[in-house]
Amino acid sequence: MLHVLSILFLAIDGMAQMGAGIGAGLAAIGAGVGVGLIGSSAVEAIARQPEAAGDIRANMILTAALVEGVALFGVVVCVLVLFL
């Protein structure tokens, strides 16, 4: 009985590690797609209004930083799942 429980706990631990890895990967992929869309829209906006390039670039950098911050929180939560 004890042997079965130890195998079960090892399987649950392995599943938690796999879930944390998948979660961190999805957070990184989502951030990459988001930053790509932000960059694409910013380039299109600068092409349409070159005189507003400075404002558009500043807003693009700020928004990209916020998206990366959310992704960083996702990765931190996944790392906490591994160790807690």
C-alpha atoms as a PDB file:
ATOM      1  CA  MET A   1       0.000   0.000   0.000  1.00  0.00           C
ATOM      2  CA  LEU A   2       2.798   2.411   0.876  1.00  0.00           C
ATOM      3  CA  HIS A   3       4.552   1.633  -2.403  1.00  0.00           C
ATOM      4  CA  VAL A   4       1.409   2.508  -4.381  1.00  0.00           C
ATOM      5  CA  LEU A   5       1.067   5.820  -2.543  1.00  0.00           C
ATOM      6  CA  SER A   6       4.691   6.760  -3.186  1.00  0.00           C
ATOM      7  CA  ILE A   7       4.267   6.045  -6.911  1.00  0.00           C
ATOM      8  CA  LEU A   8       1.076   8.118  -6.913  1.00  0.00           C
ATOM      9  CA  PHE A   9       2.818  11.069  -5.239  1.00  0.00           C
ATOM     10  CA  LEU A  10       5.681  10.868  -7.749  1.00  0.00           C
ATOM     11  CA  ALA A  11       3.191  10.878 -10.627  1.00  0.00           C
ATOM     12  CA  ILE A  12       1.379  13.898  -9.201  1.00  0.00           C
ATOM     13  CA  ASP A  13       4.684  15.729  -8.755  1.00  0.00           C
ATOM     14  CA  GLY A  14       5.638  14.947 -12.340  1.00  0.00           C
ATOM     15  CA  MET A  15       2.302  16.221 -13.596  1.00  0.00           C
ATOM     16  CA  ALA A  16       2.764  19.455 -11.645  1.00  0.00           C
ATOM     17  CA  GLN A  17       6.182  19.945 -13.214  1.00  0.00           C
ATOM     18  CA  MET A  18       4.823  19.251 -16.676  1.00  0.00           C
ATOM     19  CA  GLY A  19       1.946  21.676 -16.101  1.00  0.00           C
ATOM     20  CA  ALA A  20       4.340  24.364 -14.922  1.00  0.00           C
ATOM     21  CA  GLY A  21       6.483  23.898 -18.019  1.00  0.00           C
ATOM     22  CA  ILE A  22       3.482  24.076 -20.326  1.00  0.00           C
ATOM     23  CA  GLY A  23       2.179  27.152 -18.509  1.00  0.00           C
ATOM     24  CA  ALA A  24       5.501  28.970 -18.763  1.00  0.00           C
ATOM     25  CA  GLY A  25       5.729  28.097 -22.446  1.00  0.00           C
ATOM     26  CA  LEU A  26       2.226  29.358 -23.152  1.00  0.00           C
ATOM     27  CA  ALA A  27       2.941  32.594 -21.290  1.00  0.00           C
ATOM     28  CA  ALA A  28       6.056  33.154 -23.382  1.00  0.00           C
ATOM     29  CA  ILE A  29       4.280  32.307 -26.638  1.00  0.00           C
ATOM     30  CA  GLY A  30       1.392  34.628 -25.792  1.00  0.00           C
ATOM     31  CA  ALA A  31       3.763  37.468 -25.001  1.00  0.00           C
ATOM     32  CA  GLY A  32       5.659  36.900 -28.234  1.00  0.00           C
ATOM     33  CA  VAL A  33       2.485  36.995 -30.300  1.00  0.00           C
ATOM     34  CA  GLY A  34       1.268  40.083 -28.446  1.00  0.00           C
ATOM     35  CA  VAL A  35       4.502  42.004 -28.917  1.00  0.00           C
ATOM     36  CA  GLY A  36       4.551  40.994 -32.581  1.00  0.00           C
ATOM     37  CA  LEU A  37       1.051  42.346 -33.124  1.00  0.00           C
ATOM     38  CA  ILE A  38       1.936  45.552 -31.285  1.00  0.00           C
ATOM     39  CA  GLY A  39       5.030  46.034 -33.436  1.00  0.00           C
ATOM     40  CA  SER A  40       3.115  45.311 -36.625  1.00  0.00           C
ATOM     41  CA  SER A  41       0.409  47.821 -35.767  1.00  0.00           C
ATOM     42  CA  ALA A  42       2.975  50.441 -34.780  1.00  0.00           C
ATOM     43  CA  VAL A  43       4.868  50.091 -38.061  1.00  0.00           C
ATOM     44  CA  GLU A  44       1.605  50.397 -39.978  1.00  0.00           C
ATOM     45  CA  ALA A  45       0.607  53.486 -37.982  1.00  0.00           C
ATOM     46  CA  ILE A  46       4.017  55.120 -38.519  1.00  0.00           C
ATOM     47  CA  ALA A  47       3.728  54.414 -42.254  1.00  0.00           C
ATOM     48  CA  ARG A  48       0.352  56.167 -42.328  1.00  0.00           C
ATOM     49  CA  GLN A  49       1.377  59.126 -40.143  1.00  0.00           C
ATOM     50  CA  PRO A  50       5.145  59.651 -40.214  1.00  0.00           C
ATOM     51  CA  GLU A  51       4.852  62.927 -38.293  1.00  0.00           C
ATOM     52  CA  ALA A  52       3.495  61.058 -35.248  1.00  0.00           C
ATOM     53  CA  ALA A  53       6.296  58.482 -35.224  1.00  0.00           C
ATOM     54  CA  GLY A  54       7.706  59.576 -31.854  1.00  0.00           C
ATOM     55  CA  ASP A  55       4.382  59.295 -30.021  1.00  0.00           C
ATOM     56  CA  ILE A  56       3.530  55.993 -31.675  1.00  0.00           C
ATOM     57  CA  ARG A  57       6.945  54.540 -30.840  1.00  0.00           C
ATOM     58  CA  ALA A  58       6.683  55.615 -27.193  1.00  0.00           C
ATOM     59  CA  ASN A  59       3.232  54.069 -26.844  1.00  0.00           C
ATOM     60  CA  MET A  60       4.432  50.899 -28.575  1.00  0.00           C
ATOM     61  CA  ILE A  61       7.351  50.484 -26.166  1.00  0.00           C
ATOM     62  CA  LEU A  62       5.138  51.100 -23.127  1.00  0.00           C
ATOM     63  CA  THR A  63       2.515  48.608 -24.278  1.00  0.00           C
ATOM     64  CA  ALA A  64       5.124  45.981 -25.156  1.00  0.00           C
ATOM     65  CA  ALA A  65       6.662  46.369 -21.693  1.00  0.00           C
ATOM     66  CA  LEU A  66       3.264  45.838 -20.072  1.00  0.00           C
ATOM     67  CA  VAL A  67       2.683  42.688 -22.145  1.00  0.00           C
ATOM     68  CA  GLU A  68       6.110  41.356 -21.181  1.00  0.00           C
ATOM     69  CA  GLY A  69       5.351  42.128 -17.525  1.00  0.00           C
ATOM     70  CA  VAL A  70       2.231  39.982 -17.642  1.00  0.00           C
ATOM     71  CA  ALA A  71       4.231  37.169 -19.251  1.00  0.00           C
ATOM     72  CA  LEU A  72       6.857  37.481 -16.536  1.00  0.00           C
ATOM     73  CA  PHE A  73       4.164  37.100 -13.871  1.00  0.00           C
ATOM     74  CA  GLY A  74       2.955  33.955 -15.638  1.00  0.00           C
ATOM     75  CA  VAL A  75       6.445  32.461 -15.662  1.00  0.00           C
ATOM     76  CA  VAL A  76       6.962  33.353 -11.981  1.00  0.00           C
ATOM     77  CA  VAL A  77       3.704  31.628 -11.044  1.00  0.00           C
ATOM     78  CA  CYS A  78       4.796  28.525 -12.963  1.00  0.00           C
ATOM     79  CA  VAL A  79       8.161  28.508 -11.182  1.00  0.00           C
ATOM     80  CA  LEU A  80       6.380  28.849  -7.832  1.00  0.00           C
ATOM     81  CA  VAL A  81       4.275  25.803  -8.712  1.00  0.00           C
ATOM     82  CA  LEU A  82       7.488  23.824  -9.100  1.00  0.00           C
ATOM     83  CA  PHE A  83       8.903  24.726  -5.705  1.00  0.00           C
ATOM     84  CA  LEU A  84       5.825  25.029  -3.487  1.00  0.00           C
END
